[in-house]
Amino acid sequence: MVRFNFGGPLDRDALISLVRVELETRRNQVARFRTRDRSIKDLRPIDGVDIHLVQRLSDLGHEHGASAIDHWIAWLQRVLDELEQDHHLNRTKEHSA
């Protein structure tokens, strides 16, 4: 986020490029890891540890992380859409002046 907030206002083209790279990277991350097997295997717990509860907590943690990355991707797409729209409007104004 710091890269966007401080670097972005200095150069719109660089910010657009940075957002595109981040968006592509996160989408690739989701495509690669979202559906992977997260089963906890070969766990030898100490007495009293509920393996099913361990798995459920792990699944809940993944759901939280997946939701967070989905929100981040949506935000990046919104930022990119607005930057590209503003960029196009500014270029149109420059050419008509």
Protein backbone atom coordinates (compact mmCIF):
# COMPACT_ATOMS: atom_id res chain seq x y z
CA MET A 1 0.00 0.00 0.00
CA VAL A 2 2.87 2.37 0.80
CA ARG A 3 4.21 1.99 -2.74
CA PHE A 4 0.88 3.14 -4.14
CA ASN A 5 0.32 6.01 -1.72
CA PHE A 6 3.75 7.57 -1.96
CA GLY A 7 5.04 6.52 -5.35
CA GLY A 8 1.82 6.88 -7.27
CA PRO A 9 1.33 10.62 -7.20
CA LEU A 10 4.79 11.15 -8.68
CA ASP A 11 4.19 9.41 -11.99
CA ARG A 12 0.78 8.22 -13.22
CA ASP A 13 2.23 5.90 -15.87
CA ALA A 14 4.52 4.26 -13.32
CA LEU A 15 1.60 3.84 -10.92
CA ILE A 16 -0.54 2.23 -13.61
CA SER A 17 2.30 -0.16 -14.39
CA LEU A 18 2.81 -0.97 -10.71
CA VAL A 19 -0.90 -1.67 -10.18
CA ARG A 20 -1.00 -3.88 -13.28
CA VAL A 21 1.97 -5.92 -12.07
CA GLU A 22 0.51 -6.30 -8.58
CA LEU A 23 -2.89 -7.28 -9.98
CA GLU A 24 -1.39 -9.89 -12.31
CA THR A 25 0.80 -11.27 -9.53
CA ARG A 26 -2.11 -11.66 -7.11
CA ARG A 27 -4.36 -13.23 -9.76
CA ASN A 28 -1.61 -15.72 -10.59
CA GLN A 29 -1.20 -16.44 -6.88
CA VAL A 30 -4.90 -17.21 -6.53
CA ALA A 31 -4.93 -19.37 -9.67
CA ARG A 32 -1.95 -21.34 -8.41
CA PHE A 33 -2.89 -21.85 -4.77
CA ARG A 34 -6.64 -21.38 -4.25
CA THR A 35 -7.63 -24.97 -4.95
CA ARG A 36 -4.60 -26.76 -3.53
CA ASP A 37 -5.08 -29.58 -1.06
CA ARG A 38 -4.83 -28.17 2.46
CA SER A 39 -5.48 -31.42 4.26
CA ILE A 40 -3.37 -31.81 7.34
CA LYS A 41 -1.55 -35.09 6.93
CA ASP A 42 0.94 -37.07 8.97
CA LEU A 43 0.12 -35.14 12.11
CA ARG A 44 1.08 -36.96 15.26
CA PRO A 45 -0.60 -34.86 17.89
CA ILE A 46 -0.04 -35.09 21.58
CA ASP A 47 -2.85 -36.59 23.65
CA GLY A 48 -5.93 -34.43 23.77
CA VAL A 49 -5.43 -32.66 20.42
CA ASP A 50 -8.52 -32.87 18.22
CA ILE A 51 -7.20 -33.37 14.68
CA HIS A 52 -10.58 -32.44 13.17
CA LEU A 53 -10.56 -29.18 15.08
CA VAL A 54 -7.01 -28.47 13.91
CA GLN A 55 -8.14 -29.01 10.31
CA ARG A 56 -11.22 -26.83 10.77
CA LEU A 57 -9.18 -23.97 12.22
CA SER A 58 -6.76 -24.30 9.34
CA ASP A 59 -9.65 -24.17 6.86
CA LEU A 60 -11.11 -21.10 8.57
CA GLY A 61 -7.73 -19.40 8.40
CA HIS A 62 -7.53 -20.14 4.69
CA GLU A 63 -11.04 -18.79 4.12
CA HIS A 64 -10.04 -15.57 5.86
CA GLY A 65 -6.88 -15.26 3.77
CA ALA A 66 -8.76 -16.01 0.55
CA SER A 67 -11.32 -13.33 1.36
CA ALA A 68 -8.57 -10.82 2.09
CA ILE A 69 -6.76 -11.46 -1.19
CA ASP A 70 -10.06 -11.29 -3.11
CA HIS A 71 -10.77 -7.87 -1.57
CA TRP A 72 -7.22 -6.73 -2.39
CA ILE A 73 -7.65 -7.84 -6.03
CA ALA A 74 -11.00 -6.05 -6.28
CA TRP A 75 -9.45 -2.88 -4.86
CA LEU A 76 -6.53 -3.07 -7.28
CA GLN A 77 -8.91 -3.50 -10.21
CA ARG A 78 -10.95 -0.50 -9.09
CA VAL A 79 -7.80 1.61 -8.75
CA LEU A 80 -6.58 0.52 -12.18
CA ASP A 81 -9.95 1.24 -13.79
CA GLU A 82 -10.02 4.74 -12.32
CA LEU A 83 -6.40 5.48 -13.19
CA GLU A 84 -6.86 4.34 -16.77
CA GLN A 85 -10.09 6.31 -17.13
CA ASP A 86 -8.47 9.46 -15.73
CA HIS A 87 -5.38 8.85 -17.86
CA HIS A 88 -7.52 8.56 -20.99
CA LEU A 89 -9.48 11.72 -20.11
CA ASN A 90 -6.29 13.69 -19.49
CA ARG A 91 -4.74 12.57 -22.78
CA THR A 92 -7.95 13.47 -24.65
CA LYS A 93 -7.90 16.96 -23.08
CA GLU A 94 -4.23 17.41 -24.02
CA HIS A 95 -4.89 16.53 -27.66
CA SER A 96 -7.92 18.79 -27.95
CA ALA A 97 -6.14 21.80 -26.47
